[in-house]
């Protein structure tokens, strides 16, 4: 009776462990839905992201194999050498100094680490050593606390928080090469579906590139803690067709066109501390510490993606930045209600 109960217990235990062991491994076999998340790392759309995705699958396969082997041996030992009813309690024979076993548990882990290292080094080298074609889009991305500045030196465009790039046709590749700079502290540029993380370090320029093969909006995040508003330092990359991108560039190179109906708001804006930080092309505002506002209303969001770009959000942002970004470095302007409405109306015409 005791032997039967012991056998049943061992059988139930083995079944439970096998179920727990293989369910997590089998789950990723379900096709990932690319629309599940705009930051889905399992839906790469550019060459660097595809390379990183392939490397991650390889590393996952290696570690999953180790997991299966180790726990299979564990289950075997638990079932095979479980205490039996007729066990006399004597200690089994002990074995010491097995050179074969010691070599196995030393050499095999070393080989596994070497293989993973070589695979990782190969992917890093292939991404970092990619040649820059003559038609590549060049962008300078500058990380600030807590927003992004984008400069297109060859196209004479300066914008903020929303990066626009053309789609890269495999037949006629148009990759985007980005020089990463920091104006204050460490930041990290990470758009999972486009490329891996690359840090922005003060006084140490870094570079990255991607060649998105599908149009759309791709989201990311500053991946290096940079201060109190780090979590709201978001990234938005708009991948557009060639014609749409060229049209966007054409619009961004135009000076600001404000309606005479908002001249009072423009006067207030240009005679307050606003112009110490912000620039509006074609006006007296030429600040460098905050986002360029020349084409502010062409953006879908404000405050580095923290709020939709509507007159209501814009008014709240001017009146009380902490209401959108607690701890924001932007000071409240202290305008009267009339002045606030006038400035908001002026900024809402900057397209």
C-alpha atoms as a PDB file:
ATOM      1  CA  UNK A   1       0.000   0.000   0.000  1.00  0.00           C
ATOM      2  CA  UNK A   2       2.843   2.345   0.912  1.00  0.00           C
ATOM      3  CA  UNK A   3       4.662   1.641  -2.347  1.00  0.00           C
ATOM      4  CA  UNK A   4       1.495   2.392  -4.346  1.00  0.00           C
ATOM      5  CA  UNK A   5       0.882   5.711  -2.571  1.00  0.00           C
ATOM      6  CA  UNK A   6       4.514   6.665  -3.002  1.00  0.00           C
ATOM      7  CA  UNK A   7       4.345   5.854  -6.726  1.00  0.00           C
ATOM      8  CA  UNK A   8       1.124   7.859  -7.168  1.00  0.00           C
ATOM      9  CA  UNK A   9       2.645  10.844  -5.368  1.00  0.00           C
ATOM     10  CA  UNK A  10       5.726  10.754  -7.541  1.00  0.00           C
ATOM     11  CA  UNK A  11       3.592  10.525 -10.676  1.00  0.00           C
ATOM     12  CA  UNK A  12       1.397  13.484  -9.701  1.00  0.00           C
ATOM     13  CA  UNK A  13       4.452  15.555  -8.788  1.00  0.00           C
ATOM     14  CA  UNK A  14       6.146  14.786 -12.108  1.00  0.00           C
ATOM     15  CA  UNK A  15       3.029  15.741 -14.086  1.00  0.00           C
ATOM     16  CA  UNK A  16       2.666  19.041 -12.212  1.00  0.00           C
ATOM     17  CA  UNK A  17       6.299  19.993 -12.749  1.00  0.00           C
ATOM     18  CA  UNK A  18       6.146  19.115 -16.459  1.00  0.00           C
ATOM     19  CA  UNK A  19       3.017  21.249 -16.916  1.00  0.00           C
ATOM     20  CA  UNK A  20       4.613  24.194 -15.127  1.00  0.00           C
ATOM     21  CA  UNK A  21       7.836  23.655 -17.050  1.00  0.00           C
ATOM     22  CA  UNK A  22       6.451  23.586 -20.563  1.00  0.00           C
ATOM     23  CA  UNK A  23       3.543  26.040 -20.402  1.00  0.00           C
ATOM     24  CA  UNK A  24       5.797  29.153 -20.288  1.00  0.00           C
ATOM     25  CA  UNK A  25       7.932  27.731 -23.101  1.00  0.00           C
ATOM     26  CA  UNK A  26       4.937  27.017 -25.302  1.00  0.00           C
ATOM     27  CA  UNK A  27       3.263  30.416 -24.770  1.00  0.00           C
ATOM     28  CA  UNK A  28       5.500  32.424 -27.168  1.00  0.00           C
ATOM     29  CA  UNK A  29       4.569  30.030 -29.977  1.00  0.00           C
ATOM     30  CA  UNK A  30       1.309  31.989 -30.364  1.00  0.00           C
ATOM     31  CA  UNK A  31       1.884  34.607 -33.107  1.00  0.00           C
ATOM     32  CA  UNK A  32       2.413  38.037 -31.577  1.00  0.00           C
ATOM     33  CA  UNK A  33      -0.096  40.678 -32.575  1.00  0.00           C
ATOM     34  CA  UNK A  34       1.926  43.642 -33.902  1.00  0.00           C
ATOM     35  CA  UNK A  35      -0.874  46.024 -32.923  1.00  0.00           C
ATOM     36  CA  UNK A  36      -0.814  44.869 -29.293  1.00  0.00           C
ATOM     37  CA  UNK A  37       1.563  47.669 -28.338  1.00  0.00           C
ATOM     38  CA  UNK A  38       3.278  50.497 -30.251  1.00  0.00           C
ATOM     39  CA  UNK A  39       6.456  49.486 -28.411  1.00  0.00           C
ATOM     40  CA  UNK A  40       6.174  45.767 -29.163  1.00  0.00           C
ATOM     41  CA  UNK A  41       9.728  44.372 -29.255  1.00  0.00           C
ATOM     42  CA  UNK A  42       8.414  41.285 -31.083  1.00  0.00           C
ATOM     43  CA  UNK A  43       7.353  43.320 -34.141  1.00  0.00           C
ATOM     44  CA  UNK A  44      10.569  44.896 -35.528  1.00  0.00           C
ATOM     45  CA  UNK A  45      10.255  47.061 -38.644  1.00  0.00           C
ATOM     46  CA  UNK A  46      13.870  48.045 -39.350  1.00  0.00           C
ATOM     47  CA  UNK A  47      17.153  46.256 -39.965  1.00  0.00           C
ATOM     48  CA  UNK A  48      18.765  46.972 -36.550  1.00  0.00           C
ATOM     49  CA  UNK A  49      15.583  45.952 -34.730  1.00  0.00           C
ATOM     50  CA  UNK A  50      15.386  42.720 -36.772  1.00  0.00           C
ATOM     51  CA  UNK A  51      19.007  41.902 -35.886  1.00  0.00           C
ATOM     52  CA  UNK A  52      18.376  42.492 -32.183  1.00  0.00           C
ATOM     53  CA  UNK A  53      15.159  40.478 -32.331  1.00  0.00           C
ATOM     54  CA  UNK A  54      16.975  37.533 -33.929  1.00  0.00           C
ATOM     55  CA  UNK A  55      19.702  37.710 -31.277  1.00  0.00           C
ATOM     56  CA  UNK A  56      17.120  37.773 -28.490  1.00  0.00           C
ATOM     57  CA  UNK A  57      15.406  34.672 -29.904  1.00  0.00           C
ATOM     58  CA  UNK A  58      18.759  32.872 -30.081  1.00  0.00           C
ATOM     59  CA  UNK A  59      19.594  33.795 -26.470  1.00  0.00           C
ATOM     60  CA  UNK A  60      16.093  32.763 -25.412  1.00  0.00           C
ATOM     61  CA  UNK A  61      16.482  29.394 -27.156  1.00  0.00           C
ATOM     62  CA  UNK A  62      19.835  28.760 -25.441  1.00  0.00           C
ATOM     63  CA  UNK A  63      18.592  29.710 -21.979  1.00  0.00           C
ATOM     64  CA  UNK A  64      15.311  27.824 -22.472  1.00  0.00           C
ATOM     65  CA  UNK A  65      17.278  24.694 -23.427  1.00  0.00           C
ATOM     66  CA  UNK A  66      19.383  25.015 -20.271  1.00  0.00           C
ATOM     67  CA  UNK A  67      16.206  25.497 -18.242  1.00  0.00           C
ATOM     68  CA  UNK A  68      14.570  22.395 -19.715  1.00  0.00           C
ATOM     69  CA  UNK A  69      17.666  20.204 -19.260  1.00  0.00           C
ATOM     70  CA  UNK A  70      18.354  21.287 -15.670  1.00  0.00           C
ATOM     71  CA  UNK A  71      14.783  20.961 -14.492  1.00  0.00           C
ATOM     72  CA  UNK A  72      14.274  17.686 -16.324  1.00  0.00           C
ATOM     73  CA  UNK A  73      17.250  16.303 -14.429  1.00  0.00           C
ATOM     74  CA  UNK A  74      15.839  17.781 -11.239  1.00  0.00           C
ATOM     75  CA  UNK A  75      12.460  16.107 -11.789  1.00  0.00           C
ATOM     76  CA  UNK A  76      14.171  12.807 -12.623  1.00  0.00           C
ATOM     77  CA  UNK A  77      16.233  12.925  -9.423  1.00  0.00           C
ATOM     78  CA  UNK A  78      13.229  13.857  -7.275  1.00  0.00           C
ATOM     79  CA  UNK A  79      11.124  11.008  -8.699  1.00  0.00           C
ATOM     80  CA  UNK A  80      13.839   8.385  -9.072  1.00  0.00           C
ATOM     81  CA  UNK A  81      15.452   8.860  -5.671  1.00  0.00           C
ATOM     82  CA  UNK A  82      12.416   9.706  -3.551  1.00  0.00           C
ATOM     83  CA  UNK A  83      12.201   8.093  -0.134  1.00  0.00           C
ATOM     84  CA  UNK A  84      10.568   4.635  -0.280  1.00  0.00           C
ATOM     85  CA  UNK A  85       8.614   2.680   2.295  1.00  0.00           C
ATOM     86  CA  UNK A  86      11.292  -0.015   2.463  1.00  0.00           C
ATOM     87  CA  UNK A  87      14.171   2.488   2.762  1.00  0.00           C
ATOM     88  CA  UNK A  88      16.479   1.369   5.590  1.00  0.00           C
ATOM     89  CA  UNK A  89      17.799   4.935   6.133  1.00  0.00           C
ATOM     90  CA  UNK A  90      21.411   4.108   5.329  1.00  0.00           C
ATOM     91  CA  UNK A  91      23.498   6.723   3.520  1.00  0.00           C
ATOM     92  CA  UNK A  92      24.175   5.782  -0.126  1.00  0.00           C
ATOM     93  CA  UNK A  93      27.754   5.395  -1.393  1.00  0.00           C
ATOM     94  CA  UNK A  94      29.501   8.757  -1.800  1.00  0.00           C
ATOM     95  CA  UNK A  95      31.598   9.666  -4.853  1.00  0.00           C
ATOM     96  CA  UNK A  96      34.393  12.239  -4.641  1.00  0.00           C
ATOM     97  CA  UNK A  97      36.709  13.894  -7.142  1.00  0.00           C
ATOM     98  CA  UNK A  98      35.091  13.112 -10.506  1.00  0.00           C
ATOM     99  CA  UNK A  99      37.275  14.834 -13.065  1.00  0.00           C
ATOM    100  CA  UNK A 100      34.738  14.190 -15.824  1.00  0.00           C
ATOM    101  CA  UNK A 101      31.892  15.885 -13.920  1.00  0.00           C
ATOM    102  CA  UNK A 102      34.040  18.842 -12.867  1.00  0.00           C
ATOM    103  CA  UNK A 103      35.263  19.359 -16.431  1.00  0.00           C
ATOM    104  CA  UNK A 104      31.693  19.159 -17.743  1.00  0.00           C
ATOM    105  CA  UNK A 105      30.289  21.814 -15.400  1.00  0.00           C
ATOM    106  CA  UNK A 106      33.285  24.071 -16.105  1.00  0.00           C
ATOM    107  CA  UNK A 107      33.757  23.728 -19.864  1.00  0.00           C
ATOM    108  CA  UNK A 108      30.097  23.673 -20.927  1.00  0.00           C
ATOM    109  CA  UNK A 109      29.161  27.005 -19.221  1.00  0.00           C
ATOM    110  CA  UNK A 110      32.293  28.614 -20.660  1.00  0.00           C
ATOM    111  CA  UNK A 111      31.344  27.469 -24.165  1.00  0.00           C
ATOM    112  CA  UNK A 112      27.791  28.752 -23.718  1.00  0.00           C
ATOM    113  CA  UNK A 113      29.023  32.175 -22.565  1.00  0.00           C
ATOM    114  CA  UNK A 114      31.522  32.357 -25.454  1.00  0.00           C
ATOM    115  CA  UNK A 115      28.815  31.514 -28.001  1.00  0.00           C
ATOM    116  CA  UNK A 116      26.452  34.161 -26.582  1.00  0.00           C
ATOM    117  CA  UNK A 117      29.278  36.703 -26.471  1.00  0.00           C
ATOM    118  CA  UNK A 118      30.292  36.074 -30.080  1.00  0.00           C
ATOM    119  CA  UNK A 119      26.685  36.243 -31.297  1.00  0.00           C
ATOM    120  CA  UNK A 120      26.141  39.532 -29.450  1.00  0.00           C
ATOM    121  CA  UNK A 121      29.423  41.029 -30.695  1.00  0.00           C
ATOM    122  CA  UNK A 122      28.522  40.078 -34.263  1.00  0.00           C
ATOM    123  CA  UNK A 123      25.158  41.867 -34.080  1.00  0.00           C
ATOM    124  CA  UNK A 124      26.652  44.963 -32.410  1.00  0.00           C
ATOM    125  CA  UNK A 125      29.414  45.155 -35.029  1.00  0.00           C
ATOM    126  CA  UNK A 126      27.001  44.719 -37.950  1.00  0.00           C
ATOM    127  CA  UNK A 127      24.830  47.582 -36.669  1.00  0.00           C
ATOM    128  CA  UNK A 128      27.624  49.971 -35.710  1.00  0.00           C
ATOM    129  CA  UNK A 129      29.706  49.449 -38.859  1.00  0.00           C
ATOM    130  CA  UNK A 130      26.864  50.011 -41.329  1.00  0.00           C
ATOM    131  CA  UNK A 131      27.910  52.353 -44.132  1.00  0.00           C
ATOM    132  CA  UNK A 132      26.035  55.631 -44.451  1.00  0.00           C
ATOM    133  CA  UNK A 133      24.713  56.039 -48.025  1.00  0.00           C
ATOM    134  CA  UNK A 134      24.724  59.431 -49.706  1.00  0.00           C
ATOM    135  CA  UNK A 135      20.925  59.722 -49.591  1.00  0.00           C
ATOM    136  CA  UNK A 136      20.657  58.987 -45.865  1.00  0.00           C
ATOM    137  CA  UNK A 137      18.657  61.395 -43.731  1.00  0.00           C
ATOM    138  CA  UNK A 138      20.884  63.010 -41.103  1.00  0.00           C
ATOM    139  CA  UNK A 139      19.392  64.102 -37.795  1.00  0.00           C
ATOM    140  CA  UNK A 140      20.942  65.524 -34.646  1.00  0.00           C
ATOM    141  CA  UNK A 141      18.951  64.503 -31.565  1.00  0.00           C
ATOM    142  CA  UNK A 142      19.668  66.491 -28.397  1.00  0.00           C
ATOM    143  CA  UNK A 143      18.335  65.271 -25.079  1.00  0.00           C
ATOM    144  CA  UNK A 144      17.202  67.931 -22.600  1.00  0.00           C
ATOM    145  CA  UNK A 145      15.546  67.664 -19.228  1.00  0.00           C
ATOM    146  CA  UNK A 146      12.864  66.660 -20.179  1.00  0.00           C
ATOM    147  CA  UNK A 147      12.300  66.967 -23.921  1.00  0.00           C
ATOM    148  CA  UNK A 148      13.893  66.135 -27.271  1.00  0.00           C
ATOM    149  CA  UNK A 149      15.334  68.526 -29.819  1.00  0.00           C
ATOM    150  CA  UNK A 150      15.727  67.418 -33.440  1.00  0.00           C
ATOM    151  CA  UNK A 151      17.869  69.200 -36.001  1.00  0.00           C
ATOM    152  CA  UNK A 152      18.064  68.266 -39.675  1.00  0.00           C
ATOM    153  CA  UNK A 153      21.322  70.035 -40.643  1.00  0.00           C
ATOM    154  CA  UNK A 154      21.102  69.253 -44.351  1.00  0.00           C
ATOM    155  CA  UNK A 155      17.461  70.334 -44.560  1.00  0.00           C
ATOM    156  CA  UNK A 156      17.615  73.396 -42.272  1.00  0.00           C
ATOM    157  CA  UNK A 157      14.796  72.204 -40.025  1.00  0.00           C
ATOM    158  CA  UNK A 158      14.612  72.398 -36.228  1.00  0.00           C
ATOM    159  CA  UNK A 159      11.751  70.787 -34.324  1.00  0.00           C
ATOM    160  CA  UNK A 160      11.020  69.207 -30.968  1.00  0.00           C
ATOM    161  CA  UNK A 161       9.709  65.969 -29.457  1.00  0.00           C
ATOM    162  CA  UNK A 162       8.291  64.459 -32.658  1.00  0.00           C
ATOM    163  CA  UNK A 163      10.791  62.988 -35.104  1.00  0.00           C
ATOM    164  CA  UNK A 164       9.751  62.634 -38.750  1.00  0.00           C
ATOM    165  CA  UNK A 165      11.638  60.284 -41.089  1.00  0.00           C
ATOM    166  CA  UNK A 166      10.922  58.763 -44.511  1.00  0.00           C
ATOM    167  CA  UNK A 167      10.109  55.105 -44.981  1.00  0.00           C
ATOM    168  CA  UNK A 168      13.012  53.074 -46.384  1.00  0.00           C
ATOM    169  CA  UNK A 169      12.147  51.107 -49.501  1.00  0.00           C
ATOM    170  CA  UNK A 170      14.330  47.946 -49.660  1.00  0.00           C
ATOM    171  CA  UNK A 171      14.829  48.589 -53.376  1.00  0.00           C
ATOM    172  CA  UNK A 172      15.969  52.167 -52.673  1.00  0.00           C
ATOM    173  CA  UNK A 173      17.083  52.306 -49.012  1.00  0.00           C
ATOM    174  CA  UNK A 174      16.735  55.647 -47.243  1.00  0.00           C
ATOM    175  CA  UNK A 175      18.065  55.049 -43.740  1.00  0.00           C
ATOM    176  CA  UNK A 176      18.064  57.694 -41.032  1.00  0.00           C
ATOM    177  CA  UNK A 177      21.355  58.288 -39.200  1.00  0.00           C
ATOM    178  CA  UNK A 178      21.069  60.079 -35.870  1.00  0.00           C
ATOM    179  CA  UNK A 179      23.833  61.835 -33.950  1.00  0.00           C
ATOM    180  CA  UNK A 180      22.955  61.717 -30.260  1.00  0.00           C
ATOM    181  CA  UNK A 181      23.961  64.592 -27.974  1.00  0.00           C
ATOM    182  CA  UNK A 182      22.991  65.628 -24.457  1.00  0.00           C
ATOM    183  CA  UNK A 183      22.529  69.164 -23.186  1.00  0.00           C
ATOM    184  CA  UNK A 184      22.634  68.264 -19.502  1.00  0.00           C
ATOM    185  CA  UNK A 185      22.714  64.704 -18.148  1.00  0.00           C
ATOM    186  CA  UNK A 186      22.567  61.123 -19.396  1.00  0.00           C
ATOM    187  CA  UNK A 187      19.562  60.144 -21.516  1.00  0.00           C
ATOM    188  CA  UNK A 188      18.861  57.072 -23.644  1.00  0.00           C
ATOM    189  CA  UNK A 189      17.110  56.961 -27.028  1.00  0.00           C
ATOM    190  CA  UNK A 190      14.975  53.834 -27.371  1.00  0.00           C
ATOM    191  CA  UNK A 191      12.229  53.116 -29.897  1.00  0.00           C
ATOM    192  CA  UNK A 192      11.897  49.305 -29.568  1.00  0.00           C
ATOM    193  CA  UNK A 193      10.438  48.596 -33.015  1.00  0.00           C
ATOM    194  CA  UNK A 194      13.162  50.597 -34.773  1.00  0.00           C
ATOM    195  CA  UNK A 195      16.455  50.030 -32.937  1.00  0.00           C
ATOM    196  CA  UNK A 196      18.134  49.240 -29.648  1.00  0.00           C
ATOM    197  CA  UNK A 197      18.926  51.597 -26.796  1.00  0.00           C
ATOM    198  CA  UNK A 198      21.694  54.135 -27.325  1.00  0.00           C
ATOM    199  CA  UNK A 199      22.776  56.571 -24.618  1.00  0.00           C
ATOM    200  CA  UNK A 200      23.117  60.326 -24.951  1.00  0.00           C
ATOM    201  CA  UNK A 201      26.110  61.307 -22.824  1.00  0.00           C
ATOM    202  CA  UNK A 202      27.308  64.887 -22.218  1.00  0.00           C
ATOM    203  CA  UNK A 203      30.446  65.704 -24.237  1.00  0.00           C
ATOM    204  CA  UNK A 204      30.442  62.251 -25.834  1.00  0.00           C
ATOM    205  CA  UNK A 205      28.549  62.072 -29.175  1.00  0.00           C
ATOM    206  CA  UNK A 206      26.963  58.738 -30.036  1.00  0.00           C
ATOM    207  CA  UNK A 207      25.325  57.583 -33.253  1.00  0.00           C
ATOM    208  CA  UNK A 208      22.555  55.212 -34.252  1.00  0.00           C
ATOM    209  CA  UNK A 209      20.546  54.470 -37.371  1.00  0.00           C
ATOM    210  CA  UNK A 210      17.414  52.715 -38.552  1.00  0.00           C
ATOM    211  CA  UNK A 211      15.653  52.087 -41.848  1.00  0.00           C
ATOM    212  CA  UNK A 212      11.926  51.694 -41.089  1.00  0.00           C
ATOM    213  CA  UNK A 213      10.151  49.653 -43.729  1.00  0.00           C
ATOM    214  CA  UNK A 214       6.573  50.450 -42.701  1.00  0.00           C
ATOM    215  CA  UNK A 215       4.920  53.822 -42.319  1.00  0.00           C
ATOM    216  CA  UNK A 216       3.241  54.687 -39.051  1.00  0.00           C
ATOM    217  CA  UNK A 217       3.806  56.066 -35.570  1.00  0.00           C
ATOM    218  CA  UNK A 218       6.415  54.367 -33.392  1.00  0.00           C
ATOM    219  CA  UNK A 219       6.682  55.169 -29.716  1.00  0.00           C
ATOM    220  CA  UNK A 220       9.623  55.037 -27.378  1.00  0.00           C
ATOM    221  CA  UNK A 221      10.961  56.280 -24.083  1.00  0.00           C
ATOM    222  CA  UNK A 222      14.039  57.819 -22.573  1.00  0.00           C
ATOM    223  CA  UNK A 223      15.513  54.635 -21.097  1.00  0.00           C
ATOM    224  CA  UNK A 224      18.023  56.246 -18.722  1.00  0.00           C
ATOM    225  CA  UNK A 225      16.843  57.907 -15.524  1.00  0.00           C
ATOM    226  CA  UNK A 226      17.507  61.610 -16.040  1.00  0.00           C
ATOM    227  CA  UNK A 227      15.506  63.336 -13.303  1.00  0.00           C
ATOM    228  CA  UNK A 228      12.045  63.742 -11.839  1.00  0.00           C
ATOM    229  CA  UNK A 229      10.248  63.810 -15.213  1.00  0.00           C
ATOM    230  CA  UNK A 230      12.175  60.941 -16.790  1.00  0.00           C
ATOM    231  CA  UNK A 231       9.018  58.791 -17.080  1.00  0.00           C
ATOM    232  CA  UNK A 232       7.307  61.481 -19.182  1.00  0.00           C
ATOM    233  CA  UNK A 233      10.210  62.063 -21.557  1.00  0.00           C
ATOM    234  CA  UNK A 234       8.520  60.165 -24.351  1.00  0.00           C
ATOM    235  CA  UNK A 235       9.582  59.524 -27.942  1.00  0.00           C
ATOM    236  CA  UNK A 236       7.363  59.738 -31.022  1.00  0.00           C
ATOM    237  CA  UNK A 237       8.751  58.780 -34.437  1.00  0.00           C
ATOM    238  CA  UNK A 238       6.560  59.367 -37.486  1.00  0.00           C
ATOM    239  CA  UNK A 239       7.595  57.232 -40.458  1.00  0.00           C
ATOM    240  CA  UNK A 240       6.116  58.776 -43.595  1.00  0.00           C
ATOM    241  CA  UNK A 241       6.098  58.065 -47.295  1.00  0.00           C
ATOM    242  CA  UNK A 242       8.677  59.969 -49.327  1.00  0.00           C
ATOM    243  CA  UNK A 243       6.118  62.483 -50.600  1.00  0.00           C
ATOM    244  CA  UNK A 244       4.653  63.098 -47.141  1.00  0.00           C
ATOM    245  CA  UNK A 245       8.101  63.562 -45.630  1.00  0.00           C
ATOM    246  CA  UNK A 246       9.130  66.024 -48.363  1.00  0.00           C
ATOM    247  CA  UNK A 247       5.898  67.949 -47.819  1.00  0.00           C
ATOM    248  CA  UNK A 248       6.548  68.058 -44.060  1.00  0.00           C
ATOM    249  CA  UNK A 249      10.080  69.361 -44.657  1.00  0.00           C
ATOM    250  CA  UNK A 250       8.732  72.052 -46.995  1.00  0.00           C
ATOM    251  CA  UNK A 251       6.259  73.200 -44.347  1.00  0.00           C
ATOM    252  CA  UNK A 252       8.853  73.207 -41.584  1.00  0.00           C
ATOM    253  CA  UNK A 253      11.254  75.421 -43.525  1.00  0.00           C
ATOM    254  CA  UNK A 254       8.683  78.210 -43.763  1.00  0.00           C
ATOM    255  CA  UNK A 255       8.734  81.068 -41.239  1.00  0.00           C
ATOM    256  CA  UNK A 256       5.923  81.435 -38.743  1.00  0.00           C
ATOM    257  CA  UNK A 257       2.748  83.021 -40.087  1.00  0.00           C
ATOM    258  CA  UNK A 258       0.695  84.600 -37.333  1.00  0.00           C
ATOM    259  CA  UNK A 259      -2.674  86.151 -38.040  1.00  0.00           C
ATOM    260  CA  UNK A 260      -3.055  89.898 -37.366  1.00  0.00           C
ATOM    261  CA  UNK A 261      -5.998  88.915 -35.185  1.00  0.00           C
ATOM    262  CA  UNK A 262      -3.582  87.561 -32.571  1.00  0.00           C
ATOM    263  CA  UNK A 263      -1.094  90.433 -32.659  1.00  0.00           C
ATOM    264  CA  UNK A 264      -1.765  91.214 -29.007  1.00  0.00           C
ATOM    265  CA  UNK A 265      -0.827  87.684 -27.991  1.00  0.00           C
ATOM    266  CA  UNK A 266       2.336  87.890 -30.093  1.00  0.00           C
ATOM    267  CA  UNK A 267       3.273  91.190 -28.431  1.00  0.00           C
ATOM    268  CA  UNK A 268       2.784  89.717 -24.957  1.00  0.00           C
ATOM    269  CA  UNK A 269       4.765  86.601 -25.900  1.00  0.00           C
ATOM    270  CA  UNK A 270       7.677  88.652 -27.244  1.00  0.00           C
ATOM    271  CA  UNK A 271       7.804  91.017 -24.255  1.00  0.00           C
ATOM    272  CA  UNK A 272       7.813  88.381 -21.501  1.00  0.00           C
ATOM    273  CA  UNK A 273      10.286  85.738 -20.378  1.00  0.00           C
ATOM    274  CA  UNK A 274       8.913  83.320 -23.012  1.00  0.00           C
ATOM    275  CA  UNK A 275      11.504  84.388 -25.565  1.00  0.00           C
ATOM    276  CA  UNK A 276      14.358  83.652 -23.167  1.00  0.00           C
ATOM    277  CA  UNK A 277      13.754  79.935 -23.756  1.00  0.00           C
ATOM    278  CA  UNK A 278      11.705  79.562 -26.950  1.00  0.00           C
ATOM    279  CA  UNK A 279      12.326  80.477 -30.575  1.00  0.00           C
ATOM    280  CA  UNK A 280       9.813  81.391 -33.280  1.00  0.00           C
ATOM    281  CA  UNK A 281      11.438  81.851 -36.683  1.00  0.00           C
ATOM    282  CA  UNK A 282      10.897  85.289 -38.207  1.00  0.00           C
ATOM    283  CA  UNK A 283      10.201  86.956 -34.841  1.00  0.00           C
ATOM    284  CA  UNK A 284      12.171  88.428 -31.964  1.00  0.00           C
ATOM    285  CA  UNK A 285      11.932  85.110 -30.092  1.00  0.00           C
ATOM    286  CA  UNK A 286      15.272  83.305 -30.397  1.00  0.00           C
ATOM    287  CA  UNK A 287      15.656  81.360 -27.151  1.00  0.00           C
ATOM    288  CA  UNK A 288      17.613  78.117 -27.110  1.00  0.00           C
ATOM    289  CA  UNK A 289      16.710  76.499 -23.783  1.00  0.00           C
ATOM    290  CA  UNK A 290      13.214  75.289 -24.698  1.00  0.00           C
ATOM    291  CA  UNK A 291      11.535  73.723 -27.732  1.00  0.00           C
ATOM    292  CA  UNK A 292      11.349  75.683 -30.992  1.00  0.00           C
ATOM    293  CA  UNK A 293       7.724  76.834 -31.364  1.00  0.00           C
ATOM    294  CA  UNK A 294       7.802  77.987 -34.991  1.00  0.00           C
ATOM    295  CA  UNK A 295       5.441  75.217 -36.116  1.00  0.00           C
ATOM    296  CA  UNK A 296       4.065  74.261 -32.727  1.00  0.00           C
ATOM    297  CA  UNK A 297       0.557  73.366 -33.901  1.00  0.00           C
ATOM    298  CA  UNK A 298       1.872  70.963 -36.537  1.00  0.00           C
ATOM    299  CA  UNK A 299       2.694  68.591 -33.659  1.00  0.00           C
ATOM    300  CA  UNK A 300       0.177  66.185 -32.191  1.00  0.00           C
ATOM    301  CA  UNK A 301       1.448  66.487 -28.621  1.00  0.00           C
ATOM    302  CA  UNK A 302       3.114  68.916 -26.245  1.00  0.00           C
ATOM    303  CA  UNK A 303       5.334  68.426 -23.194  1.00  0.00           C
ATOM    304  CA  UNK A 304       7.311  65.642 -24.871  1.00  0.00           C
ATOM    305  CA  UNK A 305       4.235  63.561 -25.606  1.00  0.00           C
ATOM    306  CA  UNK A 306       2.672  63.988 -22.159  1.00  0.00           C
ATOM    307  CA  UNK A 307      -0.466  65.791 -23.392  1.00  0.00           C
ATOM    308  CA  UNK A 308      -2.399  66.241 -26.654  1.00  0.00           C
ATOM    309  CA  UNK A 309      -1.662  69.463 -28.507  1.00  0.00           C
ATOM    310  CA  UNK A 310      -4.967  71.275 -28.094  1.00  0.00           C
ATOM    311  CA  UNK A 311      -5.623  74.915 -27.144  1.00  0.00           C
ATOM    312  CA  UNK A 312      -6.938  73.679 -23.783  1.00  0.00           C
ATOM    313  CA  UNK A 313      -3.798  71.667 -23.008  1.00  0.00           C
ATOM    314  CA  UNK A 314      -1.607  74.494 -24.283  1.00  0.00           C
ATOM    315  CA  UNK A 315      -3.337  76.996 -22.017  1.00  0.00           C
ATOM    316  CA  UNK A 316      -2.940  74.698 -19.020  1.00  0.00           C
ATOM    317  CA  UNK A 317       0.729  74.125 -19.877  1.00  0.00           C
ATOM    318  CA  UNK A 318       1.422  77.872 -19.944  1.00  0.00           C
ATOM    319  CA  UNK A 319      -0.603  78.555 -16.811  1.00  0.00           C
ATOM    320  CA  UNK A 320       0.584  75.655 -14.668  1.00  0.00           C
ATOM    321  CA  UNK A 321       3.202  73.293 -16.181  1.00  0.00           C
ATOM    322  CA  UNK A 322       3.140  71.098 -13.074  1.00  0.00           C
ATOM    323  CA  UNK A 323      -0.468  70.171 -13.857  1.00  0.00           C
ATOM    324  CA  UNK A 324       0.850  68.219 -16.878  1.00  0.00           C
ATOM    325  CA  UNK A 325       4.397  67.456 -15.751  1.00  0.00           C
ATOM    326  CA  UNK A 326       4.908  67.697 -11.979  1.00  0.00           C
ATOM    327  CA  UNK A 327       8.421  68.914 -11.341  1.00  0.00           C
ATOM    328  CA  UNK A 328       8.743  70.403 -14.818  1.00  0.00           C
ATOM    329  CA  UNK A 329      11.612  72.830 -15.322  1.00  0.00           C
ATOM    330  CA  UNK A 330       9.309  75.254 -17.158  1.00  0.00           C
ATOM    331  CA  UNK A 331       8.312  78.142 -14.855  1.00  0.00           C
ATOM    332  CA  UNK A 332       4.722  79.370 -14.605  1.00  0.00           C
ATOM    333  CA  UNK A 333       4.461  82.692 -16.462  1.00  0.00           C
ATOM    334  CA  UNK A 334       2.128  84.467 -14.025  1.00  0.00           C
ATOM    335  CA  UNK A 335      -0.038  85.960 -16.782  1.00  0.00           C
ATOM    336  CA  UNK A 336      -3.467  87.398 -16.193  1.00  0.00           C
ATOM    337  CA  UNK A 337      -6.443  85.530 -17.612  1.00  0.00           C
ATOM    338  CA  UNK A 338      -6.677  87.979 -20.507  1.00  0.00           C
ATOM    339  CA  UNK A 339      -2.955  87.728 -21.287  1.00  0.00           C
ATOM    340  CA  UNK A 340      -3.090  83.954 -21.005  1.00  0.00           C
ATOM    341  CA  UNK A 341      -5.943  83.754 -23.514  1.00  0.00           C
ATOM    342  CA  UNK A 342      -4.141  86.113 -25.895  1.00  0.00           C
ATOM    343  CA  UNK A 343      -0.839  84.167 -25.794  1.00  0.00           C
ATOM    344  CA  UNK A 344      -2.656  80.853 -26.212  1.00  0.00           C
ATOM    345  CA  UNK A 345      -4.518  82.210 -29.237  1.00  0.00           C
ATOM    346  CA  UNK A 346      -1.221  83.385 -30.747  1.00  0.00           C
ATOM    347  CA  UNK A 347       0.580  80.082 -30.235  1.00  0.00           C
ATOM    348  CA  UNK A 348      -2.424  78.190 -31.638  1.00  0.00           C
ATOM    349  CA  UNK A 349      -1.806  79.880 -35.021  1.00  0.00           C
ATOM    350  CA  UNK A 350       1.808  78.655 -35.324  1.00  0.00           C
ATOM    351  CA  UNK A 351       1.489  75.870 -37.871  1.00  0.00           C
END
